[in-house]
Structures are given as C-alpha cells and as structure tokens.
Amino acid sequence: VPFEAKPFSVGVRIEHPQGLVDRSQF
C-alpha cells in the first residue's frame, strides 16, 4: 500500500496557572 511522508510537529506541553491566562485574555 503506498504511503507518503508528511510534515507534522513535535514539542512539549506548557502549563500556566489558568488565572494568569484569564487575566491576560480578559
């Protein structure tokens, strides 16, 4: 069966306090 390699991504999970994100956005 034919396959093609395609781009994807790698990295990490980053965690912040939700309250910080709330204040930054709202």
PDB file of all heavy atoms in Angstrom:
ATOM      1  N   VAL A   1       0.859  -1.187   0.000  1.00  0.00           N
ATOM      2  CA  VAL A   1       0.000   0.000   0.000  1.00  0.00           C
ATOM      3  C   VAL A   1       0.899   1.242   0.000  1.00  0.00           C
ATOM      4  O   VAL A   1       1.840   1.324   0.799  1.00  0.00           O
ATOM      5  CB  VAL A   1      -0.927   0.002   1.232  1.00  0.00           C
ATOM      6  CG1 VAL A   1      -1.685   1.330   1.348  1.00  0.00           C
ATOM      7  CG2 VAL A   1      -1.916  -1.162   1.157  1.00  0.00           C
ATOM      8  N   PRO A   2       0.636   2.208  -0.878  1.00  0.00           N
ATOM      9  CA  PRO A   2       1.524   3.375  -0.955  1.00  0.00           C
ATOM     10  C   PRO A   2       1.355   4.316   0.239  1.00  0.00           C
ATOM     11  O   PRO A   2       0.243   4.539   0.720  1.00  0.00           O
ATOM     12  CB  PRO A   2       1.089   4.057  -2.248  1.00  0.00           C
ATOM     13  CG  PRO A   2      -0.354   3.676  -2.406  1.00  0.00           C
ATOM     14  CD  PRO A   2      -0.455   2.273  -1.861  1.00  0.00           C
ATOM     15  N   PHE A   3       2.461   4.874   0.687  1.00  0.00           N
ATOM     16  CA  PHE A   3       2.469   5.872   1.752  1.00  0.00           C
ATOM     17  C   PHE A   3       3.348   7.036   1.336  1.00  0.00           C
ATOM     18  O   PHE A   3       4.309   6.861   0.583  1.00  0.00           O
ATOM     19  CB  PHE A   3       3.022   5.281   3.060  1.00  0.00           C
ATOM     20  CG  PHE A   3       2.041   4.454   3.841  1.00  0.00           C
ATOM     21  CD1 PHE A   3       1.784   3.137   3.490  1.00  0.00           C
ATOM     22  CD2 PHE A   3       1.370   4.994   4.930  1.00  0.00           C
ATOM     23  CE1 PHE A   3       0.888   2.371   4.210  1.00  0.00           C
ATOM     24  CE2 PHE A   3       0.472   4.241   5.657  1.00  0.00           C
ATOM     25  CZ  PHE A   3       0.227   2.925   5.300  1.00  0.00           C
ATOM     26  N   GLU A   4       3.007   8.197   1.862  1.00  0.00           N
ATOM     27  CA  GLU A   4       3.831   9.385   1.684  1.00  0.00           C
ATOM     28  C   GLU A   4       4.145   9.959   3.054  1.00  0.00           C
ATOM     29  O   GLU A   4       3.259  10.041   3.916  1.00  0.00           O
ATOM     30  CB  GLU A   4       3.091  10.454   0.869  1.00  0.00           C
ATOM     31  CG  GLU A   4       2.704  10.031  -0.534  1.00  0.00           C
ATOM     32  CD  GLU A   4       1.786  11.047  -1.210  1.00  0.00           C
ATOM     33  OE1 GLU A   4       1.312  11.968  -0.522  1.00  0.00           O
ATOM     34  OE2 GLU A   4       1.555  10.885  -2.423  1.00  0.00           O
ATOM     35  N   ALA A   5       5.401  10.352   3.267  1.00  0.00           N
ATOM     36  CA  ALA A   5       5.737  11.071   4.494  1.00  0.00           C
ATOM     37  C   ALA A   5       5.182  12.481   4.407  1.00  0.00           C
ATOM     38  O   ALA A   5       5.198  13.094   3.343  1.00  0.00           O
ATOM     39  CB  ALA A   5       7.252  11.109   4.685  1.00  0.00           C
ATOM     40  N   LYS A   6       4.646  12.997   5.509  1.00  0.00           N
ATOM     41  CA  LYS A   6       4.114  14.349   5.520  1.00  0.00           C
ATOM     42  C   LYS A   6       4.629  15.108   6.746  1.00  0.00           C
ATOM     43  O   LYS A   6       5.050  14.495   7.741  1.00  0.00           O
ATOM     44  CB  LYS A   6       2.578  14.353   5.510  1.00  0.00           C
ATOM     45  CG  LYS A   6       1.943  13.670   6.683  1.00  0.00           C
ATOM     46  CD  LYS A   6       0.417  13.733   6.630  1.00  0.00           C
ATOM     47  CE  LYS A   6      -0.142  15.033   7.131  1.00  0.00           C
ATOM     48  NZ  LYS A   6       0.060  15.239   8.572  1.00  0.00           N
ATOM     49  N   PRO A   7       4.611  16.425   6.682  1.00  0.00           N
ATOM     50  CA  PRO A   7       5.056  17.207   7.844  1.00  0.00           C
ATOM     51  C   PRO A   7       4.122  17.012   9.042  1.00  0.00           C
ATOM     52  O   PRO A   7       2.940  16.724   8.899  1.00  0.00           O
ATOM     53  CB  PRO A   7       4.991  18.659   7.336  1.00  0.00           C
ATOM     54  CG  PRO A   7       4.936  18.562   5.847  1.00  0.00           C
ATOM     55  CD  PRO A   7       4.241  17.279   5.543  1.00  0.00           C
ATOM     56  N   PHE A   8       4.678  17.163  10.211  1.00  0.00           N
ATOM     57  CA  PHE A   8       3.883  17.217  11.440  1.00  0.00           C
ATOM     58  C   PHE A   8       4.670  18.072  12.424  1.00  0.00           C
ATOM     59  O   PHE A   8       5.484  18.899  12.001  1.00  0.00           O
ATOM     60  CB  PHE A   8       3.568  15.807  11.978  1.00  0.00           C
ATOM     61  CG  PHE A   8       4.773  14.973  12.306  1.00  0.00           C
ATOM     62  CD1 PHE A   8       5.210  14.828  13.607  1.00  0.00           C
ATOM     63  CD2 PHE A   8       5.463  14.306  11.295  1.00  0.00           C
ATOM     64  CE1 PHE A   8       6.320  14.054  13.907  1.00  0.00           C
ATOM     65  CE2 PHE A   8       6.576  13.526  11.591  1.00  0.00           C
ATOM     66  CZ  PHE A   8       7.007  13.405  12.895  1.00  0.00           C
ATOM     67  N   SER A   9       4.434  17.932  13.702  1.00  0.00           N
ATOM     68  CA  SER A   9       5.112  18.794  14.681  1.00  0.00           C
ATOM     69  C   SER A   9       5.463  18.001  15.923  1.00  0.00           C
ATOM     70  O   SER A   9       4.814  16.999  16.245  1.00  0.00           O
ATOM     71  CB  SER A   9       4.218  19.978  15.070  1.00  0.00           C
ATOM     72  OG  SER A   9       3.886  20.759  13.940  1.00  0.00           O
ATOM     73  N   VAL A  10       6.486  18.474  16.629  1.00  0.00           N
ATOM     74  CA  VAL A  10       6.846  17.900  17.925  1.00  0.00           C
ATOM     75  C   VAL A  10       7.153  19.040  18.879  1.00  0.00           C
ATOM     76  O   VAL A  10       7.390  20.178  18.471  1.00  0.00           O
ATOM     77  CB  VAL A  10       8.058  16.944  17.829  1.00  0.00           C
ATOM     78  CG1 VAL A  10       7.767  15.786  16.900  1.00  0.00           C
ATOM     79  CG2 VAL A  10       9.306  17.696  17.373  1.00  0.00           C
ATOM     80  N   GLY A  11       7.159  18.735  20.157  1.00  0.00           N
ATOM     81  CA  GLY A  11       7.454  19.765  21.156  1.00  0.00           C
ATOM     82  C   GLY A  11       7.146  19.273  22.544  1.00  0.00           C
ATOM     83  O   GLY A  11       7.461  18.120  22.901  1.00  0.00           O
ATOM     84  N   VAL A  12       6.518  20.131  23.326  1.00  0.00           N
ATOM     85  CA  VAL A  12       6.230  19.852  24.734  1.00  0.00           C
ATOM     86  C   VAL A  12       4.830  20.356  25.065  1.00  0.00           C
ATOM     87  O   VAL A  12       4.210  21.075  24.275  1.00  0.00           O
ATOM     88  CB  VAL A  12       7.249  20.548  25.663  1.00  0.00           C
ATOM     89  CG1 VAL A  12       8.643  19.989  25.451  1.00  0.00           C
ATOM     90  CG2 VAL A  12       7.237  22.072  25.433  1.00  0.00           C
ATOM     91  N   ARG A  13       4.340  19.989  26.232  1.00  0.00           N
ATOM     92  CA  ARG A  13       3.165  20.634  26.823  1.00  0.00           C
ATOM     93  C   ARG A  13       3.660  21.746  27.732  1.00  0.00           C
ATOM     94  O   ARG A  13       4.607  21.547  28.496  1.00  0.00           O
ATOM     95  CB  ARG A  13       2.356  19.639  27.648  1.00  0.00           C
ATOM     96  CG  ARG A  13       1.396  18.792  26.844  1.00  0.00           C
ATOM     97  CD  ARG A  13       0.065  19.450  26.620  1.00  0.00           C
ATOM     98  NE  ARG A  13      -0.400  19.182  25.269  1.00  0.00           N
ATOM     99  CZ  ARG A  13      -1.508  19.688  24.740  1.00  0.00           C
ATOM    100  NH1 ARG A  13      -2.258  20.516  25.445  1.00  0.00           N
ATOM    101  NH2 ARG A  13      -1.848  19.421  23.515  1.00  0.00           N
ATOM    102  N   ILE A  14       3.036  22.911  27.674  1.00  0.00           N
ATOM    103  CA  ILE A  14       3.395  24.010  28.562  1.00  0.00           C
ATOM    104  C   ILE A  14       2.196  24.335  29.442  1.00  0.00           C
ATOM    105  O   ILE A  14       1.058  24.434  28.959  1.00  0.00           O
ATOM    106  CB  ILE A  14       3.865  25.256  27.780  1.00  0.00           C
ATOM    107  CG1 ILE A  14       4.344  26.339  28.736  1.00  0.00           C
ATOM    108  CG2 ILE A  14       2.808  25.773  26.807  1.00  0.00           C
ATOM    109  CD1 ILE A  14       5.158  27.447  28.075  1.00  0.00           C
ATOM    110  N   GLU A  15       2.451  24.455  30.748  1.00  0.00           N
ATOM    111  CA  GLU A  15       1.387  24.727  31.721  1.00  0.00           C
ATOM    112  C   GLU A  15       1.605  26.067  32.404  1.00  0.00           C
ATOM    113  O   GLU A  15       2.718  26.387  32.843  1.00  0.00           O
ATOM    114  CB  GLU A  15       1.350  23.640  32.798  1.00  0.00           C
ATOM    115  CG  GLU A  15       0.838  22.308  32.328  1.00  0.00           C
ATOM    116  CD  GLU A  15       0.632  21.344  33.480  1.00  0.00           C
ATOM    117  OE1 GLU A  15       1.586  20.600  33.808  1.00  0.00           O
ATOM    118  OE2 GLU A  15      -0.480  21.312  34.051  1.00  0.00           O
ATOM    119  N   HIS A  16       0.523  26.845  32.484  1.00  0.00           N
ATOM    120  CA  HIS A  16       0.470  28.101  33.244  1.00  0.00           C
ATOM    121  C   HIS A  16      -0.728  28.034  34.193  1.00  0.00           C
ATOM    122  O   HIS A  16      -1.680  27.275  33.962  1.00  0.00           O
ATOM    123  CB  HIS A  16       0.261  29.298  32.306  1.00  0.00           C
ATOM    124  CG  HIS A  16       1.363  29.539  31.336  1.00  0.00           C
ATOM    125  ND1 HIS A  16       1.428  28.895  30.107  1.00  0.00           N
ATOM    126  CD2 HIS A  16       2.435  30.374  31.381  1.00  0.00           C
ATOM    127  CE1 HIS A  16       2.502  29.324  29.456  1.00  0.00           C
ATOM    128  NE2 HIS A  16       3.123  30.219  30.201  1.00  0.00           N
ATOM    129  N   PRO A  17      -0.748  28.866  35.221  1.00  0.00           N
ATOM    130  CA  PRO A  17      -1.968  28.980  36.025  1.00  0.00           C
ATOM    131  C   PRO A  17      -3.118  29.493  35.156  1.00  0.00           C
ATOM    132  O   PRO A  17      -2.937  30.439  34.378  1.00  0.00           O
ATOM    133  CB  PRO A  17      -1.595  30.005  37.102  1.00  0.00           C
ATOM    134  CG  PRO A  17      -0.098  30.002  37.142  1.00  0.00           C
ATOM    135  CD  PRO A  17       0.351  29.713  35.741  1.00  0.00           C
ATOM    136  N   GLN A  18      -4.291  28.887  35.285  1.00  0.00           N
ATOM    137  CA  GLN A  18      -5.422  29.325  34.473  1.00  0.00           C
ATOM    138  C   GLN A  18      -5.779  30.773  34.773  1.00  0.00           C
ATOM    139  O   GLN A  18      -6.163  31.527  33.875  1.00  0.00           O
ATOM    140  CB  GLN A  18      -6.634  28.418  34.717  1.00  0.00           C
ATOM    141  CG  GLN A  18      -7.854  28.782  33.892  1.00  0.00           C
ATOM    142  CD  GLN A  18      -7.596  28.696  32.392  1.00  0.00           C
ATOM    143  OE1 GLN A  18      -7.137  27.678  31.895  1.00  0.00           O
ATOM    144  NE2 GLN A  18      -7.918  29.760  31.659  1.00  0.00           N
ATOM    145  N   GLY A  19      -5.637  31.189  36.029  1.00  0.00           N
ATOM    146  CA  GLY A  19      -5.946  32.576  36.380  1.00  0.00           C
ATOM    147  C   GLY A  19      -5.082  33.568  35.627  1.00  0.00           C
ATOM    148  O   GLY A  19      -5.538  34.650  35.240  1.00  0.00           O
ATOM    149  N   LEU A  20      -3.811  33.211  35.406  1.00  0.00           N
ATOM    150  CA  LEU A  20      -2.920  34.083  34.645  1.00  0.00           C
ATOM    151  C   LEU A  20      -3.423  34.241  33.210  1.00  0.00           C
ATOM    152  O   LEU A  20      -3.437  35.345  32.656  1.00  0.00           O
ATOM    153  CB  LEU A  20      -1.505  33.513  34.667  1.00  0.00           C
ATOM    154  CG  LEU A  20      -0.402  34.276  33.926  1.00  0.00           C
ATOM    155  CD1 LEU A  20       0.948  34.052  34.597  1.00  0.00           C
ATOM    156  CD2 LEU A  20      -0.305  33.873  32.460  1.00  0.00           C
ATOM    157  N   VAL A  21      -3.828  33.132  32.597  1.00  0.00           N
ATOM    158  CA  VAL A  21      -4.338  33.182  31.226  1.00  0.00           C
ATOM    159  C   VAL A  21      -5.639  33.985  31.174  1.00  0.00           C
ATOM    160  O   VAL A  21      -5.855  34.794  30.259  1.00  0.00           O
ATOM    161  CB  VAL A  21      -4.548  31.762  30.679  1.00  0.00           C
ATOM    162  CG1 VAL A  21      -5.169  31.799  29.275  1.00  0.00           C
ATOM    163  CG2 VAL A  21      -3.228  30.999  30.652  1.00  0.00           C
ATOM    164  N   ASP A  22      -6.502  33.812  32.180  1.00  0.00           N
ATOM    165  CA  ASP A  22      -7.754  34.576  32.227  1.00  0.00           C
ATOM    166  C   ASP A  22      -7.469  36.077  32.257  1.00  0.00           C
ATOM    167  O   ASP A  22      -8.091  36.854  31.520  1.00  0.00           O
ATOM    168  CB  ASP A  22      -8.572  34.190  33.465  1.00  0.00           C
ATOM    169  CG  ASP A  22      -9.135  32.778  33.394  1.00  0.00           C
ATOM    170  OD1 ASP A  22      -9.171  32.205  32.295  1.00  0.00           O
ATOM    171  OD2 ASP A  22      -9.523  32.254  34.456  1.00  0.00           O
ATOM    172  N   ARG A  23      -6.539  36.477  33.098  1.00  0.00           N
ATOM    173  CA  ARG A  23      -6.224  37.912  33.214  1.00  0.00           C
ATOM    174  C   ARG A  23      -5.585  38.445  31.937  1.00  0.00           C
ATOM    175  O   ARG A  23      -5.856  39.578  31.522  1.00  0.00           O
ATOM    176  CB  ARG A  23      -5.312  38.149  34.416  1.00  0.00           C
ATOM    177  CG  ARG A  23      -5.988  37.910  35.766  1.00  0.00           C
ATOM    178  CD  ARG A  23      -5.115  38.352  36.929  1.00  0.00           C
ATOM    179  NE  ARG A  23      -3.900  37.557  37.044  1.00  0.00           N
ATOM    180  CZ  ARG A  23      -3.819  36.391  37.675  1.00  0.00           C
ATOM    181  NH1 ARG A  23      -4.895  35.867  38.249  1.00  0.00           N
ATOM    182  NH2 ARG A  23      -2.665  35.745  37.759  1.00  0.00           N
ATOM    183  N   SER A  24      -4.757  37.633  31.323  1.00  0.00           N
ATOM    184  CA  SER A  24      -4.108  38.065  30.097  1.00  0.00           C
ATOM    185  C   SER A  24      -5.106  38.254  28.963  1.00  0.00           C
ATOM    186  O   SER A  24      -5.008  39.206  28.187  1.00  0.00           O
ATOM    187  CB  SER A  24      -3.054  37.036  29.680  1.00  0.00           C
ATOM    188  OG  SER A  24      -2.477  37.381  28.435  1.00  0.00           O
ATOM    189  N   GLN A  25      -6.086  37.381  28.882  1.00  0.00           N
ATOM    190  CA  GLN A  25      -7.047  37.426  27.778  1.00  0.00           C
ATOM    191  C   GLN A  25      -8.241  38.326  28.054  1.00  0.00           C
ATOM    192  O   GLN A  25      -8.743  38.985  27.139  1.00  0.00           O
ATOM    193  CB  GLN A  25      -7.546  36.012  27.471  1.00  0.00           C
ATOM    194  CG  GLN A  25      -6.473  35.038  27.005  1.00  0.00           C
ATOM    195  CD  GLN A  25      -5.886  35.423  25.662  1.00  0.00           C
ATOM    196  OE1 GLN A  25      -5.034  36.316  25.575  1.00  0.00           O
ATOM    197  NE2 GLN A  25      -6.345  34.774  24.611  1.00  0.00           N
ATOM    198  N   PHE A  26      -8.722  38.344  29.297  1.00  0.00           N
ATOM    199  CA  PHE A  26      -9.984  39.014  29.604  1.00  0.00           C
ATOM    200  C   PHE A  26      -9.835  40.262  30.470  1.00  0.00           C
ATOM    201  O   PHE A  26     -10.825  40.955  30.714  1.00  0.00           O
ATOM    202  CB  PHE A  26     -10.932  38.044  30.311  1.00  0.00           C
ATOM    203  CG  PHE A  26     -11.368  36.871  29.473  1.00  0.00           C
ATOM    204  CD1 PHE A  26     -11.746  35.683  30.077  1.00  0.00           C
ATOM    205  CD2 PHE A  26     -11.407  36.949  28.088  1.00  0.00           C
ATOM    206  CE1 PHE A  26     -12.162  34.595  29.319  1.00  0.00           C
ATOM    207  CE2 PHE A  26     -11.815  35.869  27.319  1.00  0.00           C
ATOM    208  CZ  PHE A  26     -12.193  34.688  27.933  1.00  0.00           C
TER     209      PHE A  26
END
